[in-house]
Protein backbone atom coordinates (compact mmCIF):
# COMPACT_ATOMS: atom_id res chain seq x y z
CA MET A 1 9.76 -11.29 84.17
CA CYS A 2 9.77 -14.77 85.00
CA ASP A 3 12.99 -17.09 84.46
CA ILE A 4 12.15 -20.73 83.31
CA TYR A 5 14.56 -23.27 84.54
CA LEU A 6 14.69 -26.44 82.78
CA VAL A 7 16.23 -29.67 84.99
CA ASP A 8 16.62 -32.57 83.48
CA ASP A 9 19.69 -35.40 83.11
CA ASP A 10 19.51 -36.06 79.48
CA GLN A 11 20.84 -33.23 77.88
CA ASP A 12 19.08 -34.02 74.16
CA VAL A 13 16.17 -33.18 76.22
CA LEU A 14 17.26 -30.07 77.84
CA ASP A 15 18.42 -29.01 74.24
CA SER A 16 15.15 -29.69 72.66
CA LEU A 17 13.25 -27.96 75.34
CA SER A 18 15.63 -24.93 75.26
CA TRP A 19 15.18 -24.65 71.27
CA MET A 20 11.60 -25.25 71.53
CA LEU A 21 11.14 -22.60 74.15
CA ASP A 22 13.84 -20.00 72.15
CA GLY A 23 11.20 -20.65 68.92
CA LEU A 24 8.88 -18.56 71.47
CA GLY A 25 11.00 -16.26 72.81
CA LEU A 26 11.88 -17.70 76.11
CA LYS A 27 14.48 -17.74 77.79
CA THR A 28 15.75 -20.68 79.80
CA ARG A 29 18.45 -22.01 81.69
CA SER A 30 19.24 -25.58 82.44
CA PHE A 31 20.65 -28.00 84.72
CA LEU A 32 21.50 -31.60 84.73
CA ASN A 33 20.74 -31.88 88.15
CA ALA A 34 19.16 -30.98 91.24
CA SER A 35 21.74 -29.88 93.41
CA ASP A 36 23.23 -28.15 90.27
CA PHE A 37 19.91 -26.29 90.72
CA LEU A 38 20.02 -25.77 94.04
CA SER A 39 23.11 -24.01 93.74
CA LYS A 40 22.90 -21.49 91.25
CA VAL A 41 19.16 -20.37 91.59
CA GLU A 42 17.13 -17.94 93.94
CA LEU A 43 14.40 -19.52 95.26
CA ASP A 44 12.47 -16.56 96.58
CA THR A 45 12.59 -14.99 93.50
CA PRO A 46 9.47 -15.49 91.09
CA GLY A 47 9.88 -18.12 87.79
CA ILE A 48 9.41 -21.72 86.36
CA ALA A 49 10.51 -25.21 86.69
CA ILE A 50 10.09 -27.67 84.57
CA LEU A 51 11.57 -30.73 86.58
CA ASP A 52 12.03 -34.18 84.92
CA ILE A 53 10.45 -36.96 87.63
CA GLN A 54 13.31 -39.50 87.68
CA MET A 55 16.99 -37.90 88.05
CA PRO A 56 20.01 -39.71 89.44
CA GLY A 57 20.03 -38.03 93.10
CA MET A 58 17.23 -35.78 94.07
CA ASP A 59 14.58 -36.52 91.93
CA GLY A 60 11.91 -34.38 90.36
CA ILE A 61 9.63 -35.19 93.37
CA ALA A 62 12.37 -34.30 95.95
CA LEU A 63 13.17 -30.98 94.11
CA LEU A 64 9.29 -30.07 94.03
CA ASN A 65 8.91 -31.13 97.91
CA HIS A 66 12.01 -29.07 98.61
CA ILE A 67 11.03 -26.16 96.47
CA LYS A 68 7.84 -25.86 98.17
CA ASN A 69 9.06 -26.49 102.10
CA ALA A 70 11.39 -23.67 101.30
CA GLY A 71 7.94 -21.37 100.30
CA SER A 72 9.20 -20.39 97.10
CA PRO A 73 7.10 -18.87 94.55
CA LEU A 74 8.28 -20.87 91.74
CA SER A 75 5.81 -22.54 90.16
CA VAL A 76 6.49 -26.20 89.01
CA ILE A 77 5.94 -28.01 85.51
CA MET A 78 6.70 -31.74 86.31
CA LEU A 79 8.00 -34.46 82.88
CA THR A 80 8.78 -37.61 82.93
CA GLY A 81 9.41 -40.08 79.59
CA HIS A 82 6.88 -42.81 81.61
CA GLY A 83 4.33 -41.09 83.26
CA THR A 84 1.75 -42.77 85.41
CA ILE A 85 -1.95 -42.10 86.87
CA THR A 86 -0.68 -42.11 90.20
CA MET A 87 2.33 -40.27 89.58
CA ALA A 88 0.98 -37.20 88.06
CA VAL A 89 -1.86 -37.13 91.02
CA HIS A 90 1.10 -37.07 93.45
CA ALA A 91 3.18 -34.11 91.83
CA ILE A 92 -0.53 -32.19 91.73
CA GLN A 93 -0.90 -33.21 95.25
CA GLN A 94 2.68 -31.49 95.97
CA GLY A 95 2.10 -28.63 94.67
CA ALA A 96 2.90 -29.09 90.73
CA ILE A 97 0.74 -26.75 88.14
CA ASP A 98 0.69 -29.72 85.95
CA PHE A 99 2.13 -33.09 84.57
CA LEU A 100 3.76 -33.68 80.88
CA GLU A 101 4.73 -36.83 79.38
CA LYS A 102 8.07 -36.90 77.21
CA PRO A 103 8.54 -35.82 74.02
CA VAL A 104 6.37 -32.61 75.47
CA ASP A 105 3.92 -31.17 73.39
CA GLY A 106 4.18 -27.31 72.45
CA ASP A 107 1.11 -26.29 72.06
CA LYS A 108 0.42 -27.44 75.67
CA LEU A 109 3.72 -26.85 76.81
CA SER A 110 3.30 -22.98 76.41
CA LEU A 111 -0.68 -22.70 77.46
CA LEU A 112 0.90 -24.37 80.67
CA LEU A 113 3.27 -21.64 80.68
CA VAL A 114 0.60 -18.89 80.84
CA ARG A 115 -0.48 -20.29 84.09
CA ALA A 116 2.67 -21.30 85.96
CA LYS A 117 3.59 -17.30 84.97
CA GLU A 118 0.60 -15.72 86.61
CA ALA A 119 0.77 -18.52 89.86
CA SER A 120 4.72 -17.56 90.05
CA LEU A 121 3.69 -13.77 90.27
CA THR A 122 0.94 -13.78 92.43
CA ALA A 123 2.52 -16.12 94.77
CA TYR A 124 5.48 -13.36 94.73
CA ASN A 125 3.65 -10.53 95.40
CA GLU A 126 1.60 -12.22 97.94
CA HIS A 127 5.22 -13.81 99.82
CA GLN A 128 6.03 -9.80 99.57
CA ARG A 129 3.12 -8.24 100.94
CA GLN A 130 2.86 -10.83 104.14
CA ASN A 131 6.55 -9.68 104.48
CA GLU A 132 5.62 -5.96 104.60
CA ILE A 133 2.98 -6.69 107.34
CA GLU A 134 5.01 -8.54 109.45
CA GLN A 135 7.77 -5.93 109.08
CA ARG A 136 5.05 -3.64 110.38
CA LEU A 137 4.06 -5.84 113.00
CA ALA A 138 7.69 -5.82 114.00
CA ASN A 139 7.77 -2.12 114.35
CA LEU A 140 4.77 -1.99 117.07
CA THR A 141 6.24 -1.81 120.75
CA PRO A 142 4.62 -4.47 122.92
CA ARG A 143 2.71 -1.68 124.74
CA GLU A 144 1.04 -0.99 120.93
CA HIS A 145 0.63 -4.89 120.15
CA GLU A 146 -1.08 -5.31 123.30
CA VAL A 147 -3.75 -2.43 122.34
CA MET A 148 -3.77 -3.56 118.58
CA LEU A 149 -4.85 -7.33 119.85
CA LYS A 150 -7.72 -5.16 121.98
CA VAL A 151 -8.73 -3.05 119.04
CA LEU A 152 -9.34 -5.76 116.72
CA GLU A 153 -11.38 -7.20 119.56
CA GLY A 154 -13.36 -4.21 119.07
CA LYS A 155 -13.22 -3.11 122.44
CA LEU A 156 -13.59 0.45 123.01
CA ASN A 157 -10.44 2.80 124.18
CA LYS A 158 -11.95 3.00 127.94
CA VAL A 159 -12.49 -0.10 127.85
CA ILE A 160 -9.15 -0.99 126.91
CA ALA A 161 -7.98 1.34 129.63
CA ALA A 162 -9.66 -0.03 132.18
CA GLU A 163 -8.52 -3.55 131.34
CA LEU A 164 -5.11 -2.46 130.70
CA ASN A 165 -4.79 -0.23 133.83
CA ILE A 166 -3.78 2.78 131.99
CA ALA A 167 -5.43 6.41 131.44
CA GLN A 168 -7.83 6.45 128.37
CA ARG A 169 -5.42 9.97 126.73
CA THR A 170 -2.42 6.94 126.66
CA ILE A 171 -4.42 4.15 124.94
CA GLU A 172 -5.93 6.91 121.76
CA LEU A 173 -1.80 7.61 121.58
CA HIS A 174 -1.14 3.84 121.43
CA ARG A 175 -3.88 3.58 119.42
CA GLN A 176 -2.75 6.37 117.06
CA LYS A 177 0.60 5.18 116.94
CA VAL A 178 -1.04 1.57 116.01
CA MET A 179 -2.91 2.49 113.15
CA GLN A 180 0.59 5.44 111.96
CA LYS A 181 2.76 2.01 111.84
CA MET A 182 0.38 -0.41 110.16
CA GLN A 183 -0.19 1.78 107.60
CA VAL A 184 -4.10 2.18 108.28
CA SER A 185 -6.60 4.35 109.17
CA ASN A 186 -9.23 2.78 111.27
CA ALA A 187 -10.12 -0.33 112.98
CA ALA A 188 -11.94 -1.89 109.93
CA GLU A 189 -8.90 -1.77 107.87
CA LEU A 190 -6.46 -2.39 110.56
CA ALA A 191 -9.02 -5.91 110.91
CA TYR A 192 -9.02 -6.27 107.05
CA LEU A 193 -5.24 -6.34 106.93
CA MET A 194 -4.55 -8.99 109.77
CA ALA A 195 -7.42 -11.20 108.83
CA LYS A 196 -5.22 -11.62 105.39
CA ASN A 197 -2.09 -11.90 107.21
CA GLU A 198 -3.45 -15.47 109.06
C-alpha cells in the first residue's frame, strides 16, 4: 500500500486535501514544512508526496529535488496557488508526475493518484531488484567476477583459461559458481540480468 504525504504550509489546504482524500478512502499524513516531512518519512519506501511549491524554508521544488537525488521511489505531485507554465514544466522536468493548481479538482487528483501509485511501486520494485543483483555480485570472488566478465564477452572456457592462464577445469568450476551465485542457468540469462542492471 502507498502512503500519501501532504506537505503545505497552509493548514486549511492540508485539512481540505485530507478531507477530500479520506472521502476516497485514502489515508494521508500531513506536514507543514519540508523539514518536518524529511524527519518523519522513510524516503526508500513507496508512496506519494503532494507538495506545495511555495513554502518558507525548503520550497516544493527543492524538496522534489531532494527526493529525486535520494533515489527515492516516491511519486511527487506538485501544488500551487498561482502556477505558471514555466513552473509546471520545470517541476515535471525535475521528475514530478504532474502539477495541480489550487483549489484541487478531486476527480483530476484521484486519477493522478492511480498513476502516481503505479509509478512509485514500479520504481520501488525496480530498486529492490537492482539491490538484489548488487548483492549477488558482491558475493562473487574477484576471480569469479573476472570469469563472469569474460563469459559476458561470449568467450569459450578454453579461451578464458588461456587468457587467465589457468586450467580449463578451474574455469568450468568458476563458471558454475558464477551461475549459482547470480541465480541464472546459462550465459544468456546472465547477460540479460546484467543488461537490466545497467
